[in-house]
Amino acid sequence: MTEAEFLARLRTLPLHPGARGLTDDTALVAGLILTTDTLVEGVHFLANDPPQDVAWKLVATNLSDLAAKGARVEGVLLNLPLTDSRWDATFVDGLAAVLSAHECPLIGGDTVSLPAGAPRVLTCTAIGADAPAPPRSGAKAGDGLWVTGTIGDAGAGLTVARAGEGPADLLARYRRPTARLAEGRALAPLVHAMMDVSDGLLIDAGRMAAASGLAVTIDLARIPLSTALRAHAPDPLAAATAGDDYELLFACADAPPVPATRIGSFAPGSGLALIHDGQPVPLPPRLGFEHGLR
């Protein structure tokens, strides 16, 4: 069963109104924004990734969901396995760094034990408040599709991590993503739809369009690539299908108040289309990462 098929089954269950039909990355309950994510060793991070970087990524990826709703950070809950004492101690050092950097207090959580040799499974729940909370389903025909920052660095950084050599800037984008909290706060009252890019630009843009009942066209020539990526692997299609960018993807009619790049537009209809400098480009076989697909 794919991730999409499993979510479709879950939507047949009794749902809280704040779940928004399970079409978003966050829930809105009693004025609070709630989101949770799990990182699995061997799926979301490598066994030899530094523990302090794993801690950073665990928290930052959750805070990125709060950023997409324009939320003020209240804090996080953590569910963590105790494994190797040295790894665990270094992981806590990383937690101290990421929580301090984002002024994010620890609220609580749980610790568990894992069978010897089992991959680590780490879960974070982030809580935010005072959020305009634009849905991913609010894009309007005629809106531009915009994205903050640059795309594809983290995907290339994963390749660097696996190879053990390559540009340090790309490796850092994979191991320590940036949660665009300030940009989210500025954008959220103004945009029609917003989400973060976690599974890949193309698959996430397609999800926004589908949730909004619209078609979206993306110009690959407009996808912002960093200087490091252009020198290392300057393929915009590969960048657009890689995950872990955690940039903000949003729909609005006017130029936004933060640095961002317009990469496409929404129109009546359905589906995702690609162009490059005005010429149609076939969709790749895989638009991004989806759990359940092998």
C-alpha atoms as a PDB file:
ATOM      1  CA  MET A   1       0.000   0.000   0.000  1.00  0.00           C
ATOM      2  CA  THR A   2       1.391   3.405  -0.949  1.00  0.00           C
ATOM      3  CA  GLU A   3       1.371   6.404   1.347  1.00  0.00           C
ATOM      4  CA  ALA A   4      -1.449   7.999  -0.672  1.00  0.00           C
ATOM      5  CA  GLU A   5      -3.543   4.818  -0.514  1.00  0.00           C
ATOM      6  CA  PHE A   6      -2.999   4.501   3.235  1.00  0.00           C
ATOM      7  CA  LEU A   7      -4.033   8.123   3.814  1.00  0.00           C
ATOM      8  CA  ALA A   8      -7.161   7.522   1.746  1.00  0.00           C
ATOM      9  CA  ARG A   9      -8.073   4.672   4.103  1.00  0.00           C
ATOM     10  CA  LEU A  10      -7.437   6.856   7.134  1.00  0.00           C
ATOM     11  CA  ARG A  11      -9.824   9.487   5.760  1.00  0.00           C
ATOM     12  CA  THR A  12     -12.667   6.999   6.180  1.00  0.00           C
ATOM     13  CA  LEU A  13     -12.165   7.079   9.974  1.00  0.00           C
ATOM     14  CA  PRO A  14     -13.801   9.580  12.345  1.00  0.00           C
ATOM     15  CA  LEU A  15     -11.723  12.752  11.963  1.00  0.00           C
ATOM     16  CA  HIS A  16     -11.395  15.806  14.164  1.00  0.00           C
ATOM     17  CA  PRO A  17     -12.425  19.009  12.316  1.00  0.00           C
ATOM     18  CA  GLY A  18      -8.949  20.344  12.967  1.00  0.00           C
ATOM     19  CA  ALA A  19      -7.451  17.513  10.922  1.00  0.00           C
ATOM     20  CA  ARG A  20      -8.571  19.311   7.740  1.00  0.00           C
ATOM     21  CA  GLY A  21      -9.453  15.981   6.176  1.00  0.00           C
ATOM     22  CA  LEU A  22      -5.828  14.826   6.547  1.00  0.00           C
ATOM     23  CA  THR A  23      -4.946  16.945   3.524  1.00  0.00           C
ATOM     24  CA  ASP A  24      -2.392  19.097   5.333  1.00  0.00           C
ATOM     25  CA  ASP A  25       0.819  18.614   7.320  1.00  0.00           C
ATOM     26  CA  THR A  26      -0.624  20.183  10.470  1.00  0.00           C
ATOM     27  CA  ALA A  27      -3.784  20.135  12.545  1.00  0.00           C
ATOM     28  CA  LEU A  28      -5.534  23.078  14.184  1.00  0.00           C
ATOM     29  CA  VAL A  29      -6.895  22.229  17.627  1.00  0.00           C
ATOM     30  CA  ALA A  30      -8.069  24.735  20.263  1.00  0.00           C
ATOM     31  CA  GLY A  31      -6.130  27.533  18.594  1.00  0.00           C
ATOM     32  CA  LEU A  32      -2.893  25.532  18.454  1.00  0.00           C
ATOM     33  CA  ILE A  33      -1.061  24.206  15.407  1.00  0.00           C
ATOM     34  CA  LEU A  34       0.044  20.596  15.892  1.00  0.00           C
ATOM     35  CA  THR A  35       2.410  18.587  13.733  1.00  0.00           C
ATOM     36  CA  THR A  36       4.442  15.428  14.196  1.00  0.00           C
ATOM     37  CA  ASP A  37       7.175  13.734  12.198  1.00  0.00           C
ATOM     38  CA  THR A  38       9.281  10.609  12.596  1.00  0.00           C
ATOM     39  CA  LEU A  39      12.830  10.095  11.371  1.00  0.00           C
ATOM     40  CA  VAL A  40      13.931   6.514  10.747  1.00  0.00           C
ATOM     41  CA  GLU A  41      17.561   5.499  10.496  1.00  0.00           C
ATOM     42  CA  GLY A  42      18.270   4.265   6.997  1.00  0.00           C
ATOM     43  CA  VAL A  43      15.250   6.114   5.568  1.00  0.00           C
ATOM     44  CA  HIS A  44      15.547   9.740   6.697  1.00  0.00           C
ATOM     45  CA  PHE A  45      19.134   9.768   7.932  1.00  0.00           C
ATOM     46  CA  LEU A  46      22.218   7.621   7.546  1.00  0.00           C
ATOM     47  CA  ALA A  47      23.626   5.437  10.307  1.00  0.00           C
ATOM     48  CA  ASN A  48      26.885   7.403  10.204  1.00  0.00           C
ATOM     49  CA  ASP A  49      25.294  10.858  10.251  1.00  0.00           C
ATOM     50  CA  PRO A  50      26.552  12.771  13.320  1.00  0.00           C
ATOM     51  CA  PRO A  51      24.045  12.440  16.203  1.00  0.00           C
ATOM     52  CA  GLN A  52      23.974  16.195  16.805  1.00  0.00           C
ATOM     53  CA  ASP A  53      22.950  16.715  13.167  1.00  0.00           C
ATOM     54  CA  VAL A  54      20.235  14.052  13.457  1.00  0.00           C
ATOM     55  CA  ALA A  55      18.857  15.960  16.462  1.00  0.00           C
ATOM     56  CA  TRP A  56      18.906  19.216  14.499  1.00  0.00           C
ATOM     57  CA  LYS A  57      17.097  17.649  11.556  1.00  0.00           C
ATOM     58  CA  LEU A  58      14.470  16.008  13.779  1.00  0.00           C
ATOM     59  CA  VAL A  59      13.423  19.311  15.338  1.00  0.00           C
ATOM     60  CA  ALA A  60      13.948  21.567  12.309  1.00  0.00           C
ATOM     61  CA  THR A  61      11.771  19.437  10.035  1.00  0.00           C
ATOM     62  CA  ASN A  62       8.881  19.749  12.484  1.00  0.00           C
ATOM     63  CA  LEU A  63       9.401  23.477  12.935  1.00  0.00           C
ATOM     64  CA  SER A  64       9.296  23.790   9.152  1.00  0.00           C
ATOM     65  CA  ASP A  65       5.671  22.615   9.241  1.00  0.00           C
ATOM     66  CA  LEU A  66       4.926  25.351  11.782  1.00  0.00           C
ATOM     67  CA  ALA A  67       6.670  27.855   9.514  1.00  0.00           C
ATOM     68  CA  ALA A  68       4.319  26.904   6.679  1.00  0.00           C
ATOM     69  CA  LYS A  69       1.395  27.980   8.867  1.00  0.00           C
ATOM     70  CA  GLY A  70       3.013  31.185  10.097  1.00  0.00           C
ATOM     71  CA  ALA A  71       2.979  29.879  13.656  1.00  0.00           C
ATOM     72  CA  ARG A  72       4.831  31.122  16.693  1.00  0.00           C
ATOM     73  CA  VAL A  73       6.727  28.213  18.249  1.00  0.00           C
ATOM     74  CA  GLU A  74       5.382  26.998  21.596  1.00  0.00           C
ATOM     75  CA  GLY A  75       7.656  23.955  21.983  1.00  0.00           C
ATOM     76  CA  VAL A  76       8.197  20.302  21.150  1.00  0.00           C
ATOM     77  CA  LEU A  77       7.566  16.834  22.525  1.00  0.00           C
ATOM     78  CA  LEU A  78      10.127  14.117  21.759  1.00  0.00           C
ATOM     79  CA  ASN A  79       9.868  10.310  21.687  1.00  0.00           C
ATOM     80  CA  LEU A  80      13.379   8.859  21.622  1.00  0.00           C
ATOM     81  CA  PRO A  81      15.041   5.437  21.853  1.00  0.00           C
ATOM     82  CA  LEU A  82      17.983   4.983  24.215  1.00  0.00           C
ATOM     83  CA  THR A  83      20.670   3.020  22.388  1.00  0.00           C
ATOM     84  CA  ASP A  84      24.388   3.777  22.624  1.00  0.00           C
ATOM     85  CA  SER A  85      25.359   6.047  25.536  1.00  0.00           C
ATOM     86  CA  ARG A  86      27.896   8.071  23.566  1.00  0.00           C
ATOM     87  CA  TRP A  87      25.494   8.509  20.604  1.00  0.00           C
ATOM     88  CA  ASP A  88      22.672   9.509  22.958  1.00  0.00           C
ATOM     89  CA  ALA A  89      24.808  12.081  24.790  1.00  0.00           C
ATOM     90  CA  THR A  90      25.954  13.684  21.545  1.00  0.00           C
ATOM     91  CA  PHE A  91      22.366  13.678  20.297  1.00  0.00           C
ATOM     92  CA  VAL A  92      21.324  15.667  23.389  1.00  0.00           C
ATOM     93  CA  ASP A  93      24.083  18.182  22.630  1.00  0.00           C
ATOM     94  CA  GLY A  94      22.507  18.607  19.194  1.00  0.00           C
ATOM     95  CA  LEU A  95      19.079  19.038  20.758  1.00  0.00           C
ATOM     96  CA  ALA A  96      20.424  21.816  22.952  1.00  0.00           C
ATOM     97  CA  ALA A  97      21.777  23.594  19.874  1.00  0.00           C
ATOM     98  CA  VAL A  98      18.635  23.372  17.728  1.00  0.00           C
ATOM     99  CA  LEU A  99      16.250  24.254  20.549  1.00  0.00           C
ATOM    100  CA  SER A 100      18.347  27.249  21.528  1.00  0.00           C
ATOM    101  CA  ALA A 101      18.732  28.446  17.926  1.00  0.00           C
ATOM    102  CA  HIS A 102      14.955  28.457  17.413  1.00  0.00           C
ATOM    103  CA  GLU A 103      13.953  29.604  20.930  1.00  0.00           C
ATOM    104  CA  CYS A 104      11.990  26.369  21.170  1.00  0.00           C
ATOM    105  CA  PRO A 105      11.464  24.921  24.664  1.00  0.00           C
ATOM    106  CA  LEU A 106      11.195  21.210  25.317  1.00  0.00           C
ATOM    107  CA  ILE A 107       7.768  20.334  26.737  1.00  0.00           C
ATOM    108  CA  GLY A 108       8.229  16.609  27.394  1.00  0.00           C
ATOM    109  CA  GLY A 109       8.017  13.254  25.679  1.00  0.00           C
ATOM    110  CA  ASP A 110       8.976   9.613  26.181  1.00  0.00           C
ATOM    111  CA  THR A 111      12.012   7.357  26.056  1.00  0.00           C
ATOM    112  CA  VAL A 112      12.001   3.733  24.925  1.00  0.00           C
ATOM    113  CA  SER A 113      14.417   0.859  24.356  1.00  0.00           C
ATOM    114  CA  LEU A 114      14.984  -0.881  21.028  1.00  0.00           C
ATOM    115  CA  PRO A 115      16.114  -4.431  20.303  1.00  0.00           C
ATOM    116  CA  ALA A 116      19.844  -4.723  19.647  1.00  0.00           C
ATOM    117  CA  GLY A 117      20.651  -3.800  16.067  1.00  0.00           C
ATOM    118  CA  ALA A 118      17.262  -2.231  15.351  1.00  0.00           C
ATOM    119  CA  PRO A 119      17.331   1.087  13.446  1.00  0.00           C
ATOM    120  CA  ARG A 120      16.724   4.197  15.493  1.00  0.00           C
ATOM    121  CA  VAL A 121      13.207   5.671  15.262  1.00  0.00           C
ATOM    122  CA  LEU A 122      12.898   9.269  16.493  1.00  0.00           C
ATOM    123  CA  THR A 123       9.631  11.221  16.761  1.00  0.00           C
ATOM    124  CA  CYS A 124       9.033  14.916  17.378  1.00  0.00           C
ATOM    125  CA  THR A 125       5.718  16.702  17.878  1.00  0.00           C
ATOM    126  CA  ALA A 126       5.831  20.476  17.469  1.00  0.00           C
ATOM    127  CA  ILE A 127       3.235  22.894  18.812  1.00  0.00           C
ATOM    128  CA  GLY A 128       2.669  26.414  17.539  1.00  0.00           C
ATOM    129  CA  ALA A 129       0.259  29.259  18.237  1.00  0.00           C
ATOM    130  CA  ASP A 130      -1.023  32.559  16.798  1.00  0.00           C
ATOM    131  CA  ALA A 131      -1.024  31.129  13.290  1.00  0.00           C
ATOM    132  CA  PRO A 132      -2.935  32.454  10.273  1.00  0.00           C
ATOM    133  CA  ALA A 133      -2.552  28.845   9.059  1.00  0.00           C
ATOM    134  CA  PRO A 134      -3.041  29.086   5.291  1.00  0.00           C
ATOM    135  CA  PRO A 135      -4.035  25.615   4.013  1.00  0.00           C
ATOM    136  CA  ARG A 136      -2.323  23.851   1.147  1.00  0.00           C
ATOM    137  CA  SER A 137      -5.757  23.739  -0.509  1.00  0.00           C
ATOM    138  CA  GLY A 138      -6.286  27.494  -0.948  1.00  0.00           C
ATOM    139  CA  ALA A 139      -4.512  28.267  -4.229  1.00  0.00           C
ATOM    140  CA  LYS A 140      -6.553  30.256  -6.755  1.00  0.00           C
ATOM    141  CA  ALA A 141      -6.502  30.254 -10.553  1.00  0.00           C
ATOM    142  CA  GLY A 142      -4.088  32.972 -11.665  1.00  0.00           C
ATOM    143  CA  ASP A 143      -1.889  32.676  -8.576  1.00  0.00           C
ATOM    144  CA  GLY A 144       1.828  32.353  -9.008  1.00  0.00           C
ATOM    145  CA  LEU A 145       3.675  29.436  -7.448  1.00  0.00           C
ATOM    146  CA  TRP A 146       6.603  30.707  -5.404  1.00  0.00           C
ATOM    147  CA  VAL A 147       9.387  29.113  -3.378  1.00  0.00           C
ATOM    148  CA  THR A 148      11.875  30.486  -0.872  1.00  0.00           C
ATOM    149  CA  GLY A 149      15.591  29.743  -0.950  1.00  0.00           C
ATOM    150  CA  THR A 150      17.131  27.202  -3.296  1.00  0.00           C
ATOM    151  CA  ILE A 151      16.047  23.724  -4.323  1.00  0.00           C
ATOM    152  CA  GLY A 152      17.966  20.442  -4.598  1.00  0.00           C
ATOM    153  CA  ASP A 153      20.830  21.145  -2.192  1.00  0.00           C
ATOM    154  CA  ALA A 154      19.747  18.559   0.360  1.00  0.00           C
ATOM    155  CA  GLY A 155      19.270  15.838  -2.238  1.00  0.00           C
ATOM    156  CA  ALA A 156      22.773  16.474  -3.528  1.00  0.00           C
ATOM    157  CA  GLY A 157      23.975  16.643   0.078  1.00  0.00           C
ATOM    158  CA  LEU A 158      22.666  13.130   0.682  1.00  0.00           C
ATOM    159  CA  THR A 159      24.764  11.938  -2.249  1.00  0.00           C
ATOM    160  CA  VAL A 160      27.752  13.710  -0.712  1.00  0.00           C
ATOM    161  CA  ALA A 161      27.096  12.053   2.661  1.00  0.00           C
ATOM    162  CA  ARG A 162      26.907   8.618   1.068  1.00  0.00           C
ATOM    163  CA  ALA A 163      30.095   9.190  -0.925  1.00  0.00           C
ATOM    164  CA  GLY A 164      32.013  10.639   1.993  1.00  0.00           C
ATOM    165  CA  GLU A 165      33.258  13.550  -0.089  1.00  0.00           C
ATOM    166  CA  GLY A 166      31.897  16.600  -1.850  1.00  0.00           C
ATOM    167  CA  PRO A 167      30.855  20.215  -1.202  1.00  0.00           C
ATOM    168  CA  ALA A 168      30.405  20.974   2.495  1.00  0.00           C
ATOM    169  CA  ASP A 169      27.641  23.499   1.735  1.00  0.00           C
ATOM    170  CA  LEU A 170      25.462  20.784   0.184  1.00  0.00           C
ATOM    171  CA  LEU A 171      26.176  18.336   3.007  1.00  0.00           C
ATOM    172  CA  ALA A 172      25.107  20.968   5.547  1.00  0.00           C
ATOM    173  CA  ARG A 173      21.788  21.551   3.740  1.00  0.00           C
ATOM    174  CA  TYR A 174      21.024  17.815   4.004  1.00  0.00           C
ATOM    175  CA  ARG A 175      22.058  17.436   7.640  1.00  0.00           C
ATOM    176  CA  ARG A 176      20.899  20.773   9.057  1.00  0.00           C
ATOM    177  CA  PRO A 177      17.860  22.114   7.191  1.00  0.00           C
ATOM    178  CA  THR A 178      16.596  25.630   7.861  1.00  0.00           C
ATOM    179  CA  ALA A 179      13.094  26.116   9.245  1.00  0.00           C
ATOM    180  CA  ARG A 180      11.844  29.310   7.559  1.00  0.00           C
ATOM    181  CA  LEU A 181       9.955  30.549  10.602  1.00  0.00           C
ATOM    182  CA  ALA A 182      10.436  34.294  10.036  1.00  0.00           C
ATOM    183  CA  GLU A 183       9.476  34.015   6.373  1.00  0.00           C
ATOM    184  CA  GLY A 184       6.424  31.951   7.282  1.00  0.00           C
ATOM    185  CA  ARG A 185       5.238  34.564   9.758  1.00  0.00           C
ATOM    186  CA  ALA A 186       5.550  37.286   7.099  1.00  0.00           C
ATOM    187  CA  LEU A 187       3.877  35.259   4.348  1.00  0.00           C
ATOM    188  CA  ALA A 188       1.054  33.468   6.144  1.00  0.00           C
ATOM    189  CA  PRO A 189      -1.383  36.423   6.424  1.00  0.00           C
ATOM    190  CA  LEU A 190      -0.969  37.204   2.707  1.00  0.00           C
ATOM    191  CA  VAL A 191      -0.784  33.957   0.735  1.00  0.00           C
ATOM    192  CA  HIS A 192      -3.648  31.719  -0.373  1.00  0.00           C
ATOM    193  CA  ALA A 193      -1.867  28.387   0.185  1.00  0.00           C
ATOM    194  CA  MET A 194       1.433  27.348   1.724  1.00  0.00           C
ATOM    195  CA  MET A 195       3.361  24.206   2.664  1.00  0.00           C
ATOM    196  CA  ASP A 196       6.984  23.224   3.049  1.00  0.00           C
ATOM    197  CA  VAL A 197       8.931  21.245   0.460  1.00  0.00           C
ATOM    198  CA  SER A 198       9.773  17.976   2.180  1.00  0.00           C
ATOM    199  CA  ASP A 199       9.254  15.148  -0.328  1.00  0.00           C
ATOM    200  CA  GLY A 200      10.329  17.058  -3.434  1.00  0.00           C
ATOM    201  CA  LEU A 201       9.277  20.245  -5.213  1.00  0.00           C
ATOM    202  CA  LEU A 202       7.308  18.515  -7.975  1.00  0.00           C
ATOM    203  CA  ILE A 203       5.373  16.076  -5.814  1.00  0.00           C
ATOM    204  CA  ASP A 204       4.574  18.758  -3.242  1.00  0.00           C
ATOM    205  CA  ALA A 205       3.483  21.273  -5.886  1.00  0.00           C
ATOM    206  CA  GLY A 206       1.257  18.580  -7.364  1.00  0.00           C
ATOM    207  CA  ARG A 207      -0.259  17.977  -3.936  1.00  0.00           C
ATOM    208  CA  MET A 208      -1.012  21.676  -3.509  1.00  0.00           C
ATOM    209  CA  ALA A 209      -2.652  21.832  -6.924  1.00  0.00           C
ATOM    210  CA  ALA A 210      -4.718  18.684  -6.303  1.00  0.00           C
ATOM    211  CA  ALA A 211      -5.853  19.894  -2.877  1.00  0.00           C
ATOM    212  CA  SER A 212      -6.850  23.227  -4.456  1.00  0.00           C
ATOM    213  CA  GLY A 213      -8.685  21.623  -7.394  1.00  0.00           C
ATOM    214  CA  LEU A 214      -6.385  23.291  -9.941  1.00  0.00           C
ATOM    215  CA  ALA A 215      -3.678  22.617 -12.494  1.00  0.00           C
ATOM    216  CA  VAL A 216      -0.140  23.870 -11.910  1.00  0.00           C
ATOM    217  CA  THR A 217       2.634  24.503 -14.440  1.00  0.00           C
ATOM    218  CA  ILE A 218       6.279  24.753 -13.333  1.00  0.00           C
ATOM    219  CA  ASP A 219       9.079  26.241 -15.425  1.00  0.00           C
ATOM    220  CA  LEU A 220      12.220  24.200 -14.709  1.00  0.00           C
ATOM    221  CA  ALA A 221      14.374  27.104 -15.919  1.00  0.00           C
ATOM    222  CA  ARG A 222      13.072  29.212 -13.039  1.00  0.00           C
ATOM    223  CA  ILE A 223      13.831  26.761 -10.234  1.00  0.00           C
ATOM    224  CA  PRO A 224      16.391  28.482  -7.989  1.00  0.00           C
ATOM    225  CA  LEU A 225      19.646  26.515  -7.693  1.00  0.00           C
ATOM    226  CA  SER A 226      22.477  27.454  -5.358  1.00  0.00           C
ATOM    227  CA  THR A 227      25.957  28.274  -6.605  1.00  0.00           C
ATOM    228  CA  ALA A 228      27.243  25.088  -4.966  1.00  0.00           C
ATOM    229  CA  LEU A 229      24.633  22.930  -6.696  1.00  0.00           C
ATOM    230  CA  ARG A 230      25.211  24.541 -10.098  1.00  0.00           C
ATOM    231  CA  ALA A 231      28.882  23.653  -9.790  1.00  0.00           C
ATOM    232  CA  HIS A 232      28.216  20.120  -8.515  1.00  0.00           C
ATOM    233  CA  ALA A 233      25.075  18.771 -10.211  1.00  0.00           C
ATOM    234  CA  PRO A 234      23.200  21.478 -12.169  1.00  0.00           C
ATOM    235  CA  ASP A 235      20.146  19.462 -13.238  1.00  0.00           C
ATOM    236  CA  PRO A 236      16.923  21.312 -12.310  1.00  0.00           C
ATOM    237  CA  LEU A 237      14.771  18.220 -12.837  1.00  0.00           C
ATOM    238  CA  ALA A 238      16.890  16.184 -10.416  1.00  0.00           C
ATOM    239  CA  ALA A 239      16.764  19.079  -7.952  1.00  0.00           C
ATOM    240  CA  ALA A 240      12.977  19.330  -8.274  1.00  0.00           C
ATOM    241  CA  THR A 241      12.444  15.638  -7.479  1.00  0.00           C
ATOM    242  CA  ALA A 242      14.848  15.508  -4.525  1.00  0.00           C
ATOM    243  CA  GLY A 243      13.485  15.885  -1.007  1.00  0.00           C
ATOM    244  CA  ASP A 244      14.519  17.451   2.293  1.00  0.00           C
ATOM    245  CA  ASP A 245      14.667  21.061   1.053  1.00  0.00           C
ATOM    246  CA  TYR A 246      12.254  22.413   3.710  1.00  0.00           C
ATOM    247  CA  GLU A 247      11.765  25.628   1.797  1.00  0.00           C
ATOM    248  CA  LEU A 248       8.335  27.268   1.752  1.00  0.00           C
ATOM    249  CA  LEU A 249       6.149  26.669  -1.308  1.00  0.00           C
ATOM    250  CA  PHE A 250       3.239  29.087  -1.614  1.00  0.00           C
ATOM    251  CA  ALA A 251       0.537  30.471  -3.872  1.00  0.00           C
ATOM    252  CA  CYS A 252      -0.196  34.178  -4.145  1.00  0.00           C
ATOM    253  CA  ALA A 253      -1.136  36.693  -6.802  1.00  0.00           C
ATOM    254  CA  ASP A 254       1.309  39.459  -5.884  1.00  0.00           C
ATOM    255  CA  ALA A 255       5.029  39.653  -5.195  1.00  0.00           C
ATOM    256  CA  PRO A 256       5.709  38.392  -1.653  1.00  0.00           C
ATOM    257  CA  PRO A 257       7.332  40.446   1.136  1.00  0.00           C
ATOM    258  CA  VAL A 258      10.259  38.020   1.518  1.00  0.00           C
ATOM    259  CA  PRO A 259      12.943  36.828  -0.931  1.00  0.00           C
ATOM    260  CA  ALA A 260      11.375  34.119  -3.115  1.00  0.00           C
ATOM    261  CA  THR A 261      11.294  32.933  -6.722  1.00  0.00           C
ATOM    262  CA  ARG A 262       8.204  32.585  -8.892  1.00  0.00           C
ATOM    263  CA  ILE A 263       8.532  29.165 -10.533  1.00  0.00           C
ATOM    264  CA  GLY A 264       5.066  28.555 -11.957  1.00  0.00           C
ATOM    265  CA  SER A 265       1.372  29.334 -11.971  1.00  0.00           C
ATOM    266  CA  PHE A 266      -2.038  27.862 -11.209  1.00  0.00           C
ATOM    267  CA  ALA A 267      -4.886  27.601 -13.696  1.00  0.00           C
ATOM    268  CA  PRO A 268      -8.276  25.896 -13.996  1.00  0.00           C
ATOM    269  CA  GLY A 269      -7.981  22.169 -14.587  1.00  0.00           C
ATOM    270  CA  SER A 270      -5.968  19.459 -12.885  1.00  0.00           C
ATOM    271  CA  GLY A 271      -2.526  17.912 -12.863  1.00  0.00           C
ATOM    272  CA  LEU A 272       1.091  19.025 -13.000  1.00  0.00           C
ATOM    273  CA  ALA A 273       2.823  20.184 -16.190  1.00  0.00           C
ATOM    274  CA  LEU A 274       6.472  21.065 -16.764  1.00  0.00           C
ATOM    275  CA  ILE A 275       8.020  23.491 -19.206  1.00  0.00           C
ATOM    276  CA  HIS A 276      11.570  24.715 -19.784  1.00  0.00           C
ATOM    277  CA  ASP A 277      11.783  28.210 -21.248  1.00  0.00           C
ATOM    278  CA  GLY A 278       8.274  27.788 -22.644  1.00  0.00           C
ATOM    279  CA  GLN A 279       8.762  24.327 -24.133  1.00  0.00           C
ATOM    280  CA  PRO A 280       6.858  21.308 -22.705  1.00  0.00           C
ATOM    281  CA  VAL A 281       8.916  18.792 -20.718  1.00  0.00           C
ATOM    282  CA  PRO A 282       7.693  15.227 -19.997  1.00  0.00           C
ATOM    283  CA  LEU A 283       7.045  14.406 -16.365  1.00  0.00           C
ATOM    284  CA  PRO A 284       9.673  12.124 -14.807  1.00  0.00           C
ATOM    285  CA  PRO A 285       8.583   8.623 -13.687  1.00  0.00           C
ATOM    286  CA  ARG A 286       8.897   9.708 -10.068  1.00  0.00           C
ATOM    287  CA  LEU A 287       7.991  13.198  -8.859  1.00  0.00           C
ATOM    288  CA  GLY A 288       9.533  12.845  -5.393  1.00  0.00           C
ATOM    289  CA  PHE A 289       9.630  10.660  -2.328  1.00  0.00           C
ATOM    290  CA  GLU A 290       6.573   8.703  -1.256  1.00  0.00           C
ATOM    291  CA  HIS A 291       6.520   6.138   1.561  1.00  0.00           C
ATOM    292  CA  GLY A 292       5.411   2.688   0.532  1.00  0.00           C
ATOM    293  CA  LEU A 293       7.031   2.899  -2.914  1.00  0.00           C
ATOM    294  CA  ARG A 294      10.106   0.784  -3.553  1.00  0.00           C
END
